[in-house]
Amino acid sequence: MTDTIRRAIVLGCGSALPARCVTNAELAETVDTSDAWIVERTGIRQRHIAGDGETTGTLAAEAARKAMAAAGVEPDDIGLIVLATATPDQTFPSTASWVQHEIGAKNAFAFDVAAVCSGFLYALGTAESMLKTGMAKRALVIGAETFSRILDWDDRGTCVLFGDGAGAFVLEARDVAAADAASAPGVIATRLHTDGEHGSLLYVDGGPSTTGTVGKLRMKGREVFRHAVVNLAHVLREVLDDAGMTGAEVDWVVPHQANARILDATAKKLSLPPEKVIKTVDIHANTSAASVPLAYDVAVRDGRIKSGDLVMLEAMGGGFTWGASLLRV
C-alpha cells in the first residue's frame, strides 16, 4: 500500500476591489502630501476606497464568488469559510457568517480570524489544519478589509498607506503520494508567530470593551519597518527549512503589500532576485489581510503564477503577528 499524505490544494482564487480608485494626486487635494512624497517613501501610486454600499462583507462575497468560479465549484461544495479581517461589518455576528448566507454556502460553518495584515496567513493555516483533519472537504479562505473606515484622514503618515479590497482561495483536501511530496500541489509548510510586546507600535485606539468606539489606526512607521524586515526574513527561512527547500527553488514570493521598501529589503536579506517578488503595492496600497490574496490573484490572472510553481506567501501586521506559507500550485 502506497503511503499518502493529506494536502490542502488551491483550486482557484479570486479578488474584488471597490469601484472608486484614488490616485496620490487626488489625495493631495485634501491631505497635506504629494505624489512624489508618497511614491518615494512607499511605492504607492493609487488605492481603492469603498463607497456607499461597499463593505468588507460585500467585497469578500465578490472575491469568494470569483474564486469558486475559477475552482469550478458550487456554493454547496464549500464546507468551511475562514475570513480574515480587522474591519468586520459588525462586532458580531461574524462577517464570515454574512458571506456564508450571501453566497448560498449553506453547508459551510464560518468564522472570522483577526491577525490584521497577517490575517490571511492565519486563516490559511487554520483552514489547512481543518481540511487535513477531515472537518471539511473544501474551504473558502478570504482576506477582506475596508481600512479606509478606520483611518485618521488628518494623519498624512498613515492615511496615504492603506486601501480596501478582498481576495479569496478555494482549498480542497486531497491525498497525495508521500514519495511525491516535493512536487505534489498544495500547502507544504506554514509558520505563524505573535509578539504582543510590540502591540503599541501598530494598533487601533478603540474597541467595544475599552472605548466603546471603533477607533482610528495609529502607527510608528520606522519601528514597524525595522521589525518587519527582520521578522519576515526569519520566518521565510523557517518555512524553507521545514520544507527542506532553498530560496533558489522558489518561483514566486507573494508578500504582504505594505511598503515597496520592505519588499525590497526582505528580498535582499534572502538573496531573492526582485523579479521573483510579486508587487501590487503601487496599485492597491496596503489592504491588510486582503493584500496577499489580491497580489496572488493578479499574478495568476496575468500568467506569471502557473501550475507547478512553488510560491511563498508572507505577511506581518499589528500584534505583532507574522507568518509565511509555502505552497505548490
Protein backbone atom coordinates (compact mmCIF):
# COMPACT_ATOMS: atom_id res chain seq x y z
CA MET A 1 0.00 0.00 0.00
CA THR A 2 1.39 3.41 -1.01
CA ASP A 3 1.97 5.87 1.85
CA THR A 4 -0.01 9.07 1.40
CA ILE A 5 -0.18 12.49 2.98
CA ARG A 6 -3.11 14.89 3.01
CA ARG A 7 -2.65 18.26 1.38
CA ALA A 8 -4.79 21.38 1.13
CA ILE A 9 -4.70 22.26 -2.55
CA VAL A 10 -5.55 25.68 -4.03
CA LEU A 11 -8.27 25.01 -6.60
CA GLY A 12 -8.87 28.63 -7.55
CA CYS A 13 -8.55 32.24 -6.47
CA GLY A 14 -10.46 35.48 -6.86
CA SER A 15 -10.38 39.12 -5.80
CA ALA A 16 -12.51 42.24 -5.54
CA LEU A 17 -11.82 45.96 -5.36
CA PRO A 18 -14.11 48.92 -4.68
CA ALA A 19 -15.22 50.87 -7.74
CA ARG A 20 -13.51 54.10 -6.69
CA CYS A 21 -9.78 54.40 -7.38
CA VAL A 22 -7.99 57.30 -5.65
CA THR A 23 -4.64 58.46 -7.02
CA ASN A 24 -1.97 60.20 -4.97
CA ALA A 25 -2.68 63.42 -6.83
CA GLU A 26 -6.35 63.26 -5.87
CA LEU A 27 -5.45 62.50 -2.26
CA ALA A 28 -3.10 65.51 -2.21
CA GLU A 29 -6.09 67.78 -2.82
CA THR A 30 -7.40 67.08 0.70
CA VAL A 31 -4.32 65.81 2.59
CA ASP A 32 -1.03 67.65 3.19
CA THR A 33 1.03 65.38 0.93
CA SER A 34 2.18 64.93 -2.67
CA ASP A 35 2.51 62.18 -5.22
CA ALA A 36 6.32 62.45 -5.10
CA TRP A 37 6.38 62.18 -1.28
CA ILE A 38 4.17 59.08 -1.23
CA VAL A 39 5.92 57.27 -4.09
CA GLU A 40 9.39 57.94 -2.73
CA ARG A 41 8.58 56.59 0.74
CA THR A 42 6.15 53.79 -0.06
CA GLY A 43 5.95 52.99 -3.78
CA ILE A 44 2.18 53.57 -3.67
CA ARG A 45 0.57 55.39 -6.59
CA GLN A 46 -3.14 54.68 -6.04
CA ARG A 47 -5.59 52.81 -3.83
CA HIS A 48 -9.25 51.75 -3.97
CA ILE A 49 -11.66 53.22 -1.42
CA ALA A 50 -15.00 51.65 -0.53
CA GLY A 51 -18.07 53.74 -1.26
CA ASP A 52 -21.71 53.60 -0.20
CA GLY A 53 -22.98 50.05 -0.22
CA GLU A 54 -19.48 48.57 -0.34
CA THR A 55 -18.37 46.82 2.85
CA THR A 56 -15.87 44.22 3.96
CA GLY A 57 -18.64 41.67 3.53
CA THR A 58 -19.69 42.67 0.02
CA LEU A 59 -16.07 42.69 -1.17
CA ALA A 60 -15.44 39.31 0.50
CA ALA A 61 -18.52 37.79 -1.15
CA GLU A 62 -17.47 39.05 -4.59
CA ALA A 63 -13.96 37.63 -4.19
CA ALA A 64 -15.42 34.33 -2.95
CA ARG A 65 -17.73 34.00 -5.97
CA LYS A 66 -14.82 34.63 -8.36
CA ALA A 67 -12.64 32.09 -6.54
CA MET A 68 -15.41 29.47 -6.71
CA ALA A 69 -15.88 30.14 -10.42
CA ALA A 70 -12.14 29.73 -11.00
CA ALA A 71 -12.16 26.50 -8.98
CA GLY A 72 -15.22 25.12 -10.75
CA VAL A 73 -17.15 24.52 -7.52
CA GLU A 74 -20.63 25.44 -6.35
CA PRO A 75 -21.61 27.07 -3.04
CA ASP A 76 -22.96 23.73 -1.79
CA ASP A 77 -19.47 22.25 -2.24
CA ILE A 78 -17.97 24.54 0.42
CA GLY A 79 -17.78 23.11 3.94
CA LEU A 80 -15.76 25.83 5.69
CA ILE A 81 -15.31 29.60 5.41
CA VAL A 82 -12.50 31.37 7.27
CA LEU A 83 -12.49 35.13 6.77
CA ALA A 84 -9.54 37.24 7.91
CA THR A 85 -10.35 40.87 8.69
CA ALA A 86 -9.60 43.68 11.11
CA THR A 87 -12.55 45.69 9.79
CA PRO A 88 -15.64 43.48 10.16
CA ASP A 89 -19.05 44.73 9.14
CA GLN A 90 -20.24 44.39 12.74
CA THR A 91 -18.78 43.43 16.11
CA PHE A 92 -20.93 40.32 15.72
CA PRO A 93 -22.16 38.23 14.03
CA SER A 94 -19.00 37.43 12.09
CA THR A 95 -18.62 38.81 8.60
CA ALA A 96 -17.90 35.22 7.52
CA SER A 97 -21.42 34.19 8.55
CA TRP A 98 -22.88 37.02 6.45
CA VAL A 99 -20.77 35.88 3.47
CA GLN A 100 -21.88 32.27 4.03
CA HIS A 101 -25.51 33.32 3.67
CA GLU A 102 -24.86 35.81 0.85
CA ILE A 103 -23.14 33.28 -1.42
CA GLY A 104 -25.51 30.43 -0.51
CA ALA A 105 -22.90 28.14 1.07
CA LYS A 106 -25.47 26.56 3.36
CA ASN A 107 -23.31 23.52 4.15
CA ALA A 108 -20.38 25.58 5.46
CA PHE A 109 -19.51 26.58 9.00
CA ALA A 110 -17.93 30.02 9.06
CA PHE A 111 -15.94 32.32 11.32
CA ASP A 112 -13.62 35.34 11.29
CA VAL A 113 -9.98 35.49 12.37
CA ALA A 114 -8.23 38.67 13.48
CA ALA A 115 -4.49 38.95 12.87
CA VAL A 116 -4.52 42.23 10.91
CA CYS A 117 -2.12 42.17 7.93
CA SER A 118 -1.08 38.58 8.68
CA GLY A 119 -4.71 37.53 8.83
CA PHE A 120 -4.81 35.70 5.51
CA LEU A 121 -1.83 33.55 6.53
CA TYR A 122 -3.53 32.76 9.85
CA ALA A 123 -6.79 31.93 8.03
CA LEU A 124 -4.95 29.76 5.51
CA GLY A 125 -3.15 27.84 8.26
CA THR A 126 -6.41 27.35 10.16
CA ALA A 127 -8.32 26.12 7.13
CA GLU A 128 -5.47 23.83 6.07
CA SER A 129 -5.41 22.20 9.52
CA MET A 130 -9.18 21.65 9.48
CA LEU A 131 -9.12 20.17 5.99
CA LYS A 132 -6.29 17.81 6.89
CA THR A 133 -8.21 16.53 9.93
CA GLY A 134 -11.37 15.94 7.90
CA MET A 135 -13.59 18.66 9.35
CA ALA A 136 -14.37 19.75 5.80
CA LYS A 137 -13.55 18.73 2.24
CA ARG A 138 -13.39 22.20 0.70
CA ALA A 139 -12.84 25.63 2.21
CA LEU A 140 -13.06 29.28 1.26
CA VAL A 141 -10.21 31.32 2.75
CA ILE A 142 -10.82 35.04 2.44
CA GLY A 143 -8.93 38.20 3.36
CA ALA A 144 -11.11 41.32 3.21
CA GLU A 145 -10.73 44.86 4.55
CA THR A 146 -12.17 48.35 4.45
CA PHE A 147 -9.32 50.11 6.24
CA SER A 148 -10.46 53.46 4.82
CA ARG A 149 -13.10 53.46 7.58
CA ILE A 150 -10.59 53.35 10.45
CA LEU A 151 -8.09 55.87 9.07
CA ASP A 152 -7.42 59.31 10.50
CA TRP A 153 -7.55 61.36 7.33
CA ASP A 154 -5.69 64.19 9.07
CA ASP A 155 -2.67 61.96 9.67
CA ARG A 156 -0.73 62.01 6.42
CA GLY A 157 1.73 59.45 7.77
CA THR A 158 -0.91 56.70 7.80
CA CYS A 159 -3.90 57.67 5.65
CA VAL A 160 -1.88 57.56 2.41
CA LEU A 161 -0.75 53.98 3.05
CA PHE A 162 -3.96 51.97 3.01
CA GLY A 163 -6.68 50.83 0.64
CA ASP A 164 -9.68 48.50 0.57
CA GLY A 165 -10.20 45.15 -1.14
CA ALA A 166 -10.63 41.40 -0.80
CA GLY A 167 -9.05 38.20 -2.05
CA ALA A 168 -10.02 34.53 -1.70
CA PHE A 169 -8.75 30.98 -2.22
CA VAL A 170 -10.76 27.80 -2.60
CA LEU A 171 -8.92 24.91 -0.93
CA GLU A 172 -9.61 21.19 -1.28
CA ALA A 173 -8.26 18.32 0.80
CA ARG A 174 -6.57 15.61 -1.27
CA ASP A 175 -4.35 12.65 -0.54
CA VAL A 176 -1.07 12.61 -2.46
CA ALA A 177 1.69 10.00 -2.52
CA ALA A 178 4.28 10.70 0.17
CA ALA A 179 7.01 9.94 -2.34
CA ASP A 180 5.74 12.85 -4.45
CA ALA A 181 5.54 15.33 -1.56
CA ALA A 182 8.06 17.79 -3.01
CA SER A 183 6.34 18.04 -6.39
CA ALA A 184 2.69 17.50 -5.42
CA PRO A 185 0.38 20.52 -5.29
CA GLY A 186 -0.87 22.05 -2.04
CA VAL A 187 0.33 23.81 1.09
CA ILE A 188 3.71 22.33 2.04
CA ALA A 189 4.72 24.26 5.19
CA THR A 190 3.44 27.14 7.30
CA ARG A 191 4.85 29.07 10.26
CA LEU A 192 2.97 31.68 12.33
CA HIS A 193 4.25 33.98 15.07
CA THR A 194 2.95 36.57 17.53
CA ASP A 195 4.75 39.03 19.82
CA GLY A 196 2.30 41.11 21.85
CA GLU A 197 5.10 43.18 23.37
CA HIS A 198 5.06 45.45 20.33
CA GLY A 199 1.31 45.93 20.02
CA SER A 200 1.62 49.65 20.72
CA LEU A 201 3.60 50.23 17.52
CA LEU A 202 0.66 49.46 15.22
CA TYR A 203 -2.86 49.48 16.64
CA VAL A 204 -6.35 51.00 16.59
CA ASP A 205 -7.15 53.31 19.52
CA GLY A 206 -10.65 51.99 20.15
CA GLY A 207 -12.71 48.90 20.81
CA PRO A 208 -16.00 47.67 22.31
CA SER A 209 -14.64 46.87 25.79
CA THR A 210 -12.28 49.85 26.14
CA THR A 211 -13.69 52.97 24.49
CA GLY A 212 -16.98 51.75 23.06
CA THR A 213 -15.88 53.19 19.72
CA VAL A 214 -14.32 51.80 16.55
CA GLY A 215 -11.22 54.00 16.89
CA LYS A 216 -8.57 55.02 14.37
CA LEU A 217 -5.37 53.39 13.17
CA ARG A 218 -2.13 54.52 14.81
CA MET A 219 1.37 53.51 13.72
CA LYS A 220 5.02 54.20 14.46
CA GLY A 221 6.23 53.55 10.95
CA ARG A 222 10.01 53.42 11.43
CA GLU A 223 9.78 50.88 14.24
CA VAL A 224 7.33 48.72 12.30
CA PHE A 225 9.65 48.78 9.27
CA ARG A 226 12.63 47.62 11.35
CA HIS A 227 10.75 44.70 12.91
CA ALA A 228 9.12 43.72 9.61
CA VAL A 229 12.37 43.20 7.72
CA VAL A 230 13.92 41.08 10.48
CA ASN A 231 10.81 39.03 11.28
CA LEU A 232 9.87 38.30 7.68
CA ALA A 233 13.38 37.19 6.72
CA HIS A 234 13.43 34.85 9.74
CA VAL A 235 10.04 33.24 9.09
CA LEU A 236 10.82 32.69 5.41
CA ARG A 237 13.95 30.78 6.39
CA GLU A 238 11.93 28.75 8.91
CA VAL A 239 9.40 27.67 6.29
CA LEU A 240 12.10 26.76 3.76
CA ASP A 241 13.88 24.69 6.42
CA ASP A 242 10.62 22.92 7.34
CA ALA A 243 10.05 22.10 3.67
CA GLY A 244 13.66 21.02 3.11
CA MET A 245 13.97 23.52 0.27
CA THR A 246 16.05 26.57 -0.60
CA GLY A 247 15.18 30.06 -1.75
CA ALA A 248 16.58 29.23 -5.18
CA GLU A 249 13.77 26.68 -5.67
CA VAL A 250 11.02 29.26 -5.08
CA ASP A 251 9.43 30.53 -8.27
CA TRP A 252 7.48 33.42 -6.75
CA VAL A 253 7.23 35.29 -3.45
CA VAL A 254 3.85 36.90 -2.77
CA PRO A 255 4.38 39.26 0.16
CA HIS A 256 2.08 41.46 2.16
CA GLN A 257 1.96 44.71 0.22
CA ALA A 258 2.79 47.22 2.94
CA ASN A 259 5.65 49.24 1.53
CA ALA A 260 7.91 48.79 -1.50
CA ARG A 261 10.99 49.36 0.65
CA ILE A 262 10.04 46.49 2.99
CA LEU A 263 9.54 44.19 0.00
CA ASP A 264 12.94 45.12 -1.44
CA ALA A 265 14.75 44.85 1.90
CA THR A 266 13.25 41.43 2.70
CA ALA A 267 14.14 40.07 -0.74
CA LYS A 268 17.69 41.37 -0.39
CA LYS A 269 18.14 39.72 3.02
CA LEU A 270 17.24 36.35 1.48
CA SER A 271 19.19 36.91 -1.75
CA LEU A 272 15.95 36.66 -3.73
CA PRO A 273 16.00 38.35 -7.14
CA PRO A 274 13.49 41.23 -7.25
CA GLU A 275 11.86 39.81 -10.37
CA LYS A 276 10.61 36.86 -8.27
CA VAL A 277 8.66 39.17 -5.93
CA ILE A 278 5.04 39.94 -6.86
CA LYS A 279 4.41 43.64 -6.23
CA THR A 280 0.99 45.29 -6.31
CA VAL A 281 1.54 47.89 -3.59
CA ASP A 282 1.68 50.58 -6.30
CA ILE A 283 -1.89 49.90 -7.45
CA HIS A 284 -3.56 48.55 -4.28
CA ALA A 285 -1.61 50.20 -1.41
CA ASN A 286 -1.75 48.26 1.88
CA THR A 287 -5.01 46.30 2.02
CA SER A 288 -4.05 44.47 5.22
CA ALA A 289 -5.43 40.90 5.27
CA ALA A 290 -6.52 41.23 1.64
CA SER A 291 -3.11 42.12 0.24
CA VAL A 292 -1.60 38.63 -0.15
CA PRO A 293 -4.59 37.01 -1.93
CA LEU A 294 -5.12 40.16 -4.03
CA ALA A 295 -1.49 40.08 -5.24
CA TYR A 296 -1.65 36.31 -5.80
CA ASP A 297 -4.80 36.65 -7.90
CA VAL A 298 -3.22 39.39 -10.03
CA ALA A 299 -0.19 37.17 -10.75
CA VAL A 300 -2.36 34.14 -11.56
CA ARG A 301 -4.54 36.10 -13.95
CA ASP A 302 -1.63 37.75 -15.78
CA GLY A 303 0.04 34.37 -16.25
CA ARG A 304 3.05 34.71 -14.00
CA ILE A 305 1.96 32.14 -11.41
CA LYS A 306 1.09 28.88 -13.13
CA SER A 307 0.52 25.21 -12.37
CA GLY A 308 3.56 23.54 -10.82
CA ASP A 309 5.12 26.74 -9.47
CA LEU A 310 6.47 26.91 -5.93
CA VAL A 311 5.08 30.02 -4.23
CA MET A 312 5.93 31.61 -0.88
CA LEU A 313 3.31 33.76 0.83
CA GLU A 314 4.39 36.03 3.70
CA ALA A 315 3.00 38.85 5.84
CA MET A 316 3.46 40.84 9.02
CA GLY A 317 0.93 43.00 10.82
CA GLY A 318 -0.22 44.56 14.06
CA GLY A 319 0.05 42.46 17.17
CA PHE A 320 2.80 41.94 16.11
CA THR A 321 1.77 38.95 14.04
CA TRP A 322 3.71 37.45 11.16
CA GLY A 323 3.88 34.28 9.15
CA ALA A 324 4.69 32.53 5.89
CA SER A 325 3.33 29.63 3.88
CA LEU A 326 4.95 27.66 1.07
CA LEU A 327 2.67 26.06 -1.50
CA ARG A 328 2.90 24.27 -4.80
CA VAL A 329 0.31 25.48 -7.32
